[in-house]
Structures are given as structure tokens and as C-alpha cells.
Amino acid sequence: CAGGQEFYQIGQPVPRGFGFITFADPSSVDKVLAQGTHELDGKKIDPKVAFPRRAHPKSIVIGFKLS
């Protein structure tokens, strides 16, 4: 994992329930998606591929929604 970001609503201390993780190795994305549902901080997440508006040719982004 090269980095991650969780999104918050402006003026609210509570996360909006989704975030993005950037993987350095594209094969890691396939491994994550093959495993299906994951758990993060005690909550089930459903990983999905997300494409940034200005895609960098070497970056793959996974978006997930907390259940």
C-alpha cells in the first residue's frame, strides 16, 4: 500500500464512510478484490476499483464503502 485517505464532511469530525487506498503494485489490487469483503477497524468493507479524475499511469486506486 502506497498511501490512503479517509474523507470527512466539511466541519464534521466523523468520516463520511469511504476512503481510497493507492497501491504501489497493481497485482496487489487483484489480490484484494479476489478476497471479497474485508474488515477494517472492526467494520466490514466492500473494496471496489475507483478511477481518479486525473489518472496517473502508474497508480491504481481502490475505493471502499464501510458497511
PDB file of N, CA and C in Angstrom:
ATOM      1  N   CYS A   1       0.852  -1.172   0.000  1.00  0.00           N
ATOM      2  CA  CYS A   1       0.000   0.000   0.000  1.00  0.00           C
ATOM      3  C   CYS A   1       0.899   1.237   0.000  1.00  0.00           C
ATOM      4  N   ALA A   2       0.678   2.107  -0.945  1.00  0.00           N
ATOM      5  CA  ALA A   2       1.493   3.305  -1.048  1.00  0.00           C
ATOM      6  C   ALA A   2       0.928   4.464  -0.245  1.00  0.00           C
ATOM      7  N   GLY A   3      -0.356   4.439   0.044  1.00  0.00           N
ATOM      8  CA  GLY A   3      -0.952   5.519   0.822  1.00  0.00           C
ATOM      9  C   GLY A   3      -2.456   5.392   0.879  1.00  0.00           C
ATOM     10  N   GLY A   4      -3.065   6.155   1.770  1.00  0.00           N
ATOM     11  CA  GLY A   4      -4.515   6.095   1.900  1.00  0.00           C
ATOM     12  C   GLY A   4      -5.069   7.417   2.368  1.00  0.00           C
ATOM     13  N   GLN A   5      -6.371   7.588   2.182  1.00  0.00           N
ATOM     14  CA  GLN A   5      -7.021   8.828   2.592  1.00  0.00           C
ATOM     15  C   GLN A   5      -8.463   8.519   2.951  1.00  0.00           C
ATOM     16  N   GLU A   6      -8.916   9.047   4.078  1.00  0.00           N
ATOM     17  CA  GLU A   6     -10.301   8.910   4.502  1.00  0.00           C
ATOM     18  C   GLU A   6     -10.955  10.281   4.343  1.00  0.00           C
ATOM     19  N   PHE A   7     -12.212  10.311   3.934  1.00  0.00           N
ATOM     20  CA  PHE A   7     -12.876  11.570   3.636  1.00  0.00           C
ATOM     21  C   PHE A   7     -13.840  11.972   4.737  1.00  0.00           C
ATOM     22  N   TYR A   8     -13.826  13.264   5.068  1.00  0.00           N
ATOM     23  CA  TYR A   8     -14.685  13.842   6.098  1.00  0.00           C
ATOM     24  C   TYR A   8     -15.549  14.926   5.470  1.00  0.00           C
ATOM     25  N   GLN A   9     -16.749  15.098   6.002  1.00  0.00           N
ATOM     26  CA  GLN A   9     -17.607  16.195   5.564  1.00  0.00           C
ATOM     27  C   GLN A   9     -17.080  17.473   6.201  1.00  0.00           C
ATOM     28  N   ILE A  10     -17.110  18.561   5.470  1.00  0.00           N
ATOM     29  CA  ILE A  10     -16.578  19.831   5.967  1.00  0.00           C
ATOM     30  C   ILE A  10     -17.274  20.211   7.272  1.00  0.00           C
ATOM     31  N   GLY A  11     -16.471  20.501   8.297  1.00  0.00           N
ATOM     32  CA  GLY A  11     -16.991  20.914   9.593  1.00  0.00           C
ATOM     33  C   GLY A  11     -17.463  19.774  10.474  1.00  0.00           C
ATOM     34  N   GLN A  12     -17.306  18.536  10.039  1.00  0.00           N
ATOM     35  CA  GLN A  12     -17.757  17.383  10.819  1.00  0.00           C
ATOM     36  C   GLN A  12     -16.557  16.504  11.189  1.00  0.00           C
ATOM     37  N   PRO A  13     -16.447  16.077  12.453  1.00  0.00           N
ATOM     38  CA  PRO A  13     -15.322  15.235  12.863  1.00  0.00           C
ATOM     39  C   PRO A  13     -15.504  13.756  12.500  1.00  0.00           C
ATOM     40  N   VAL A  14     -16.680  13.388  11.984  1.00  0.00           N
ATOM     41  CA  VAL A  14     -16.979  11.988  11.684  1.00  0.00           C
ATOM     42  C   VAL A  14     -16.700  11.713  10.207  1.00  0.00           C
ATOM     43  N   PRO A  15     -15.998  10.607   9.886  1.00  0.00           N
ATOM     44  CA  PRO A  15     -15.731  10.298   8.479  1.00  0.00           C
ATOM     45  C   PRO A  15     -17.024  10.038   7.706  1.00  0.00           C
ATOM     46  N   ARG A  16     -16.993  10.271   6.419  1.00  0.00           N
ATOM     47  CA  ARG A  16     -18.162  10.098   5.559  1.00  0.00           C
ATOM     48  C   ARG A  16     -18.433   8.634   5.230  1.00  0.00           C
ATOM     49  N   GLY A  17     -17.548   7.730   5.556  1.00  0.00           N
ATOM     50  CA  GLY A  17     -17.803   6.312   5.336  1.00  0.00           C
ATOM     51  C   GLY A  17     -17.145   5.737   4.100  1.00  0.00           C
ATOM     52  N   PHE A  18     -16.221   6.477   3.503  1.00  0.00           N
ATOM     53  CA  PHE A  18     -15.479   5.915   2.385  1.00  0.00           C
ATOM     54  C   PHE A  18     -14.084   6.507   2.372  1.00  0.00           C
ATOM     55  N   GLY A  19     -13.203   5.847   1.652  1.00  0.00           N
ATOM     56  CA  GLY A  19     -11.833   6.309   1.548  1.00  0.00           C
ATOM     57  C   GLY A  19     -11.178   5.665   0.347  1.00  0.00           C
ATOM     58  N   PHE A  20      -9.942   6.032   0.090  1.00  0.00           N
ATOM     59  CA  PHE A  20      -9.211   5.494  -1.045  1.00  0.00           C
ATOM     60  C   PHE A  20      -7.846   5.016  -0.592  1.00  0.00           C
ATOM     61  N   ILE A  21      -7.403   3.924  -1.185  1.00  0.00           N
ATOM     62  CA  ILE A  21      -6.074   3.380  -0.923  1.00  0.00           C
ATOM     63  C   ILE A  21      -5.364   3.275  -2.259  1.00  0.00           C
ATOM     64  N   THR A  22      -4.143   3.777  -2.343  1.00  0.00           N
ATOM     65  CA  THR A  22      -3.340   3.678  -3.551  1.00  0.00           C
ATOM     66  C   THR A  22      -2.299   2.590  -3.346  1.00  0.00           C
ATOM     67  N   PHE A  23      -2.241   1.643  -4.269  1.00  0.00           N
ATOM     68  CA  PHE A  23      -1.290   0.542  -4.191  1.00  0.00           C
ATOM     69  C   PHE A  23      -0.117   0.807  -5.128  1.00  0.00           C
ATOM     70  N   ALA A  24       1.091   0.515  -4.659  1.00  0.00           N
ATOM     71  CA  ALA A  24       2.287   0.685  -5.474  1.00  0.00           C
ATOM     72  C   ALA A  24       2.380  -0.400  -6.542  1.00  0.00           C
ATOM     73  N   ASP A  25       1.879  -1.593  -6.241  1.00  0.00           N
ATOM     74  CA  ASP A  25       1.962  -2.729  -7.161  1.00  0.00           C
ATOM     75  C   ASP A  25       0.557  -3.091  -7.649  1.00  0.00           C
ATOM     76  N   PRO A  26       0.279  -2.970  -8.948  1.00  0.00           N
ATOM     77  CA  PRO A  26      -1.056  -3.276  -9.472  1.00  0.00           C
ATOM     78  C   PRO A  26      -1.539  -4.695  -9.169  1.00  0.00           C
ATOM     79  N   SER A  27      -0.639  -5.651  -9.012  1.00  0.00           N
ATOM     80  CA  SER A  27      -1.064  -7.026  -8.708  1.00  0.00           C
ATOM     81  C   SER A  27      -1.696  -7.113  -7.314  1.00  0.00           C
ATOM     82  N   SER A  28      -1.373  -6.189  -6.438  1.00  0.00           N
ATOM     83  CA  SER A  28      -1.979  -6.165  -5.102  1.00  0.00           C
ATOM     84  C   SER A  28      -3.474  -5.879  -5.187  1.00  0.00           C
ATOM     85  N   VAL A  29      -3.868  -5.079  -6.163  1.00  0.00           N
ATOM     86  CA  VAL A  29      -5.284  -4.752  -6.344  1.00  0.00           C
ATOM     87  C   VAL A  29      -6.067  -6.023  -6.648  1.00  0.00           C
ATOM     88  N   ASP A  30      -5.537  -6.844  -7.552  1.00  0.00           N
ATOM     89  CA  ASP A  30      -6.207  -8.098  -7.908  1.00  0.00           C
ATOM     90  C   ASP A  30      -6.344  -9.015  -6.702  1.00  0.00           C
ATOM     91  N   LYS A  31      -5.320  -9.064  -5.862  1.00  0.00           N
ATOM     92  CA  LYS A  31      -5.367  -9.910  -4.662  1.00  0.00           C
ATOM     93  C   LYS A  31      -6.444  -9.430  -3.690  1.00  0.00           C
ATOM     94  N   VAL A  32      -6.539  -8.127  -3.507  1.00  0.00           N
ATOM     95  CA  VAL A  32      -7.545  -7.567  -2.598  1.00  0.00           C
ATOM     96  C   VAL A  32      -8.948  -7.858  -3.116  1.00  0.00           C
ATOM     97  N   LEU A  33      -9.175  -7.628  -4.398  1.00  0.00           N
ATOM     98  CA  LEU A  33     -10.502  -7.846  -4.974  1.00  0.00           C
ATOM     99  C   LEU A  33     -10.896  -9.318  -4.970  1.00  0.00           C
ATOM    100  N   ALA A  34      -9.927 -10.215  -5.129  1.00  0.00           N
ATOM    101  CA  ALA A  34     -10.208 -11.654  -5.146  1.00  0.00           C
ATOM    102  C   ALA A  34     -10.681 -12.158  -3.786  1.00  0.00           C
ATOM    103  N   GLN A  35     -10.301 -11.477  -2.718  1.00  0.00           N
ATOM    104  CA  GLN A  35     -10.677 -11.917  -1.375  1.00  0.00           C
ATOM    105  C   GLN A  35     -12.082 -11.474  -0.983  1.00  0.00           C
ATOM    106  N   GLY A  36     -12.721 -10.606  -1.757  1.00  0.00           N
ATOM    107  CA  GLY A  36     -14.089 -10.172  -1.445  1.00  0.00           C
ATOM    108  C   GLY A  36     -14.134  -9.176  -0.306  1.00  0.00           C
ATOM    109  N   THR A  37     -15.052  -9.395   0.638  1.00  0.00           N
ATOM    110  CA  THR A  37     -15.258  -8.470   1.751  1.00  0.00           C
ATOM    111  C   THR A  37     -14.089  -8.525   2.734  1.00  0.00           C
ATOM    112  N   HIS A  38     -13.715  -7.376   3.243  1.00  0.00           N
ATOM    113  CA  HIS A  38     -12.628  -7.256   4.215  1.00  0.00           C
ATOM    114  C   HIS A  38     -13.161  -6.602   5.478  1.00  0.00           C
ATOM    115  N   GLU A  39     -12.336  -6.626   6.531  1.00  0.00           N
ATOM    116  CA  GLU A  39     -12.691  -5.957   7.775  1.00  0.00           C
ATOM    117  C   GLU A  39     -11.617  -4.932   8.095  1.00  0.00           C
ATOM    118  N   LEU A  40     -12.049  -3.718   8.445  1.00  0.00           N
ATOM    119  CA  LEU A  40     -11.142  -2.630   8.777  1.00  0.00           C
ATOM    120  C   LEU A  40     -11.681  -1.935  10.015  1.00  0.00           C
ATOM    121  N   ASP A  41     -10.893  -1.895  11.064  1.00  0.00           N
ATOM    122  CA  ASP A  41     -11.312  -1.287  12.334  1.00  0.00           C
ATOM    123  C   ASP A  41     -12.637  -1.863  12.831  1.00  0.00           C
ATOM    124  N   GLY A  42     -12.806  -3.175  12.665  1.00  0.00           N
ATOM    125  CA  GLY A  42     -13.999  -3.854  13.161  1.00  0.00           C
ATOM    126  C   GLY A  42     -15.241  -3.694  12.297  1.00  0.00           C
ATOM    127  N   LYS A  43     -15.102  -3.075  11.122  1.00  0.00           N
ATOM    128  CA  LYS A  43     -16.246  -2.887  10.221  1.00  0.00           C
ATOM    129  C   LYS A  43     -15.966  -3.589   8.897  1.00  0.00           C
ATOM    130  N   LYS A  44     -17.011  -4.197   8.334  1.00  0.00           N
ATOM    131  CA  LYS A  44     -16.861  -4.847   7.036  1.00  0.00           C
ATOM    132  C   LYS A  44     -16.801  -3.781   5.952  1.00  0.00           C
ATOM    133  N   ILE A  45     -15.869  -3.973   5.014  1.00  0.00           N
ATOM    134  CA  ILE A  45     -15.751  -3.062   3.879  1.00  0.00           C
ATOM    135  C   ILE A  45     -15.871  -3.858   2.590  1.00  0.00           C
ATOM    136  N   ASP A  46     -16.345  -3.205   1.564  1.00  0.00           N
ATOM    137  CA  ASP A  46     -16.516  -3.811   0.254  1.00  0.00           C
ATOM    138  C   ASP A  46     -15.594  -3.086  -0.724  1.00  0.00           C
ATOM    139  N   PRO A  47     -14.403  -3.648  -1.003  1.00  0.00           N
ATOM    140  CA  PRO A  47     -13.454  -2.952  -1.875  1.00  0.00           C
ATOM    141  C   PRO A  47     -13.934  -2.920  -3.324  1.00  0.00           C
ATOM    142  N   LYS A  48     -13.718  -1.791  -3.968  1.00  0.00           N
ATOM    143  CA  LYS A  48     -14.075  -1.606  -5.373  1.00  0.00           C
ATOM    144  C   LYS A  48     -12.977  -0.795  -6.039  1.00  0.00           C
ATOM    145  N   VAL A  49     -12.809  -0.996  -7.333  1.00  0.00           N
ATOM    146  CA  VAL A  49     -11.834  -0.214  -8.079  1.00  0.00           C
ATOM    147  C   VAL A  49     -12.428   1.164  -8.341  1.00  0.00           C
ATOM    148  N   ALA A  50     -11.636   2.192  -8.113  1.00  0.00           N
ATOM    149  CA  ALA A  50     -12.050   3.570  -8.392  1.00  0.00           C
ATOM    150  C   ALA A  50     -10.997   4.202  -9.293  1.00  0.00           C
ATOM    151  N   PHE A  51     -11.434   5.031 -10.199  1.00  0.00           N
ATOM    152  CA  PHE A  51     -10.511   5.683 -11.115  1.00  0.00           C
ATOM    153  C   PHE A  51     -10.466   7.170 -10.803  1.00  0.00           C
ATOM    154  N   PRO A  52      -9.269   7.696 -10.491  1.00  0.00           N
ATOM    155  CA  PRO A  52      -9.161   9.121 -10.178  1.00  0.00           C
ATOM    156  C   PRO A  52      -9.488   9.976 -11.404  1.00  0.00           C
ATOM    157  N   ARG A  53      -9.933  11.187 -11.166  1.00  0.00           N
ATOM    158  CA  ARG A  53     -10.287  12.083 -12.278  1.00  0.00           C
ATOM    159  C   ARG A  53      -9.101  12.332 -13.192  1.00  0.00           C
ATOM    160  N   ARG A  54      -7.945  12.543 -12.607  1.00  0.00           N
ATOM    161  CA  ARG A  54      -6.716  12.720 -13.387  1.00  0.00           C
ATOM    162  C   ARG A  54      -5.836  11.513 -13.113  1.00  0.00           C
ATOM    163  N   ALA A  55      -6.066  10.441 -13.835  1.00  0.00           N
ATOM    164  CA  ALA A  55      -5.376   9.174 -13.578  1.00  0.00           C
ATOM    165  C   ALA A  55      -3.887   9.281 -13.891  1.00  0.00           C
ATOM    166  N   HIS A  56      -3.087   8.857 -12.945  1.00  0.00           N
ATOM    167  CA  HIS A  56      -1.647   8.734 -13.126  1.00  0.00           C
ATOM    168  C   HIS A  56      -1.408   7.344 -13.702  1.00  0.00           C
ATOM    169  N   PRO A  57      -0.605   7.203 -14.748  1.00  0.00           N
ATOM    170  CA  PRO A  57      -0.456   5.900 -15.404  1.00  0.00           C
ATOM    171  C   PRO A  57       0.054   4.771 -14.512  1.00  0.00           C
ATOM    172  N   LYS A  58       0.749   5.080 -13.420  1.00  0.00           N
ATOM    173  CA  LYS A  58       1.301   4.021 -12.577  1.00  0.00           C
ATOM    174  C   LYS A  58       0.502   3.796 -11.304  1.00  0.00           C
ATOM    175  N   SER A  59      -0.586   4.504 -11.096  1.00  0.00           N
ATOM    176  CA  SER A  59      -1.309   4.346  -9.840  1.00  0.00           C
ATOM    177  C   SER A  59      -2.628   3.614 -10.051  1.00  0.00           C
ATOM    178  N   ILE A  60      -2.949   2.747  -9.116  1.00  0.00           N
ATOM    179  CA  ILE A  60      -4.215   2.033  -9.072  1.00  0.00           C
ATOM    180  C   ILE A  60      -4.871   2.444  -7.759  1.00  0.00           C
ATOM    181  N   VAL A  61      -6.139   2.749  -7.794  1.00  0.00           N
ATOM    182  CA  VAL A  61      -6.831   3.217  -6.601  1.00  0.00           C
ATOM    183  C   VAL A  61      -7.991   2.289  -6.304  1.00  0.00           C
ATOM    184  N   ILE A  62      -8.143   1.917  -5.034  1.00  0.00           N
ATOM    185  CA  ILE A  62      -9.275   1.101  -4.600  1.00  0.00           C
ATOM    186  C   ILE A  62     -10.145   1.982  -3.718  1.00  0.00           C
ATOM    187  N   GLY A  63     -11.395   2.068  -4.005  1.00  0.00           N
ATOM    188  CA  GLY A  63     -12.327   2.790  -3.149  1.00  0.00           C
ATOM    189  C   GLY A  63     -13.139   1.778  -2.360  1.00  0.00           C
ATOM    190  N   PHE A  64     -13.496   2.092  -1.144  1.00  0.00           N
ATOM    191  CA  PHE A  64     -14.295   1.163  -0.353  1.00  0.00           C
ATOM    192  C   PHE A  64     -15.345   1.927   0.425  1.00  0.00           C
ATOM    193  N   LYS A  65     -16.453   1.249   0.676  1.00  0.00           N
ATOM    194  CA  LYS A  65     -17.526   1.835   1.467  1.00  0.00           C
ATOM    195  C   LYS A  65     -17.664   1.016   2.734  1.00  0.00           C
ATOM    196  N   LEU A  66     -17.662   1.681   3.877  1.00  0.00           N
ATOM    197  CA  LEU A  66     -17.815   0.994   5.152  1.00  0.00           C
ATOM    198  C   LEU A  66     -19.252   0.542   5.310  1.00  0.00           C
ATOM    199  N   SER A  67     -19.442  -0.701   5.746  1.00  0.00           N
ATOM    200  CA  SER A  67     -20.798  -1.232   5.951  1.00  0.00           C
ATOM    201  C   SER A  67     -21.302  -0.900   7.326  1.00  0.00           C
TER     202      SER A  67
END
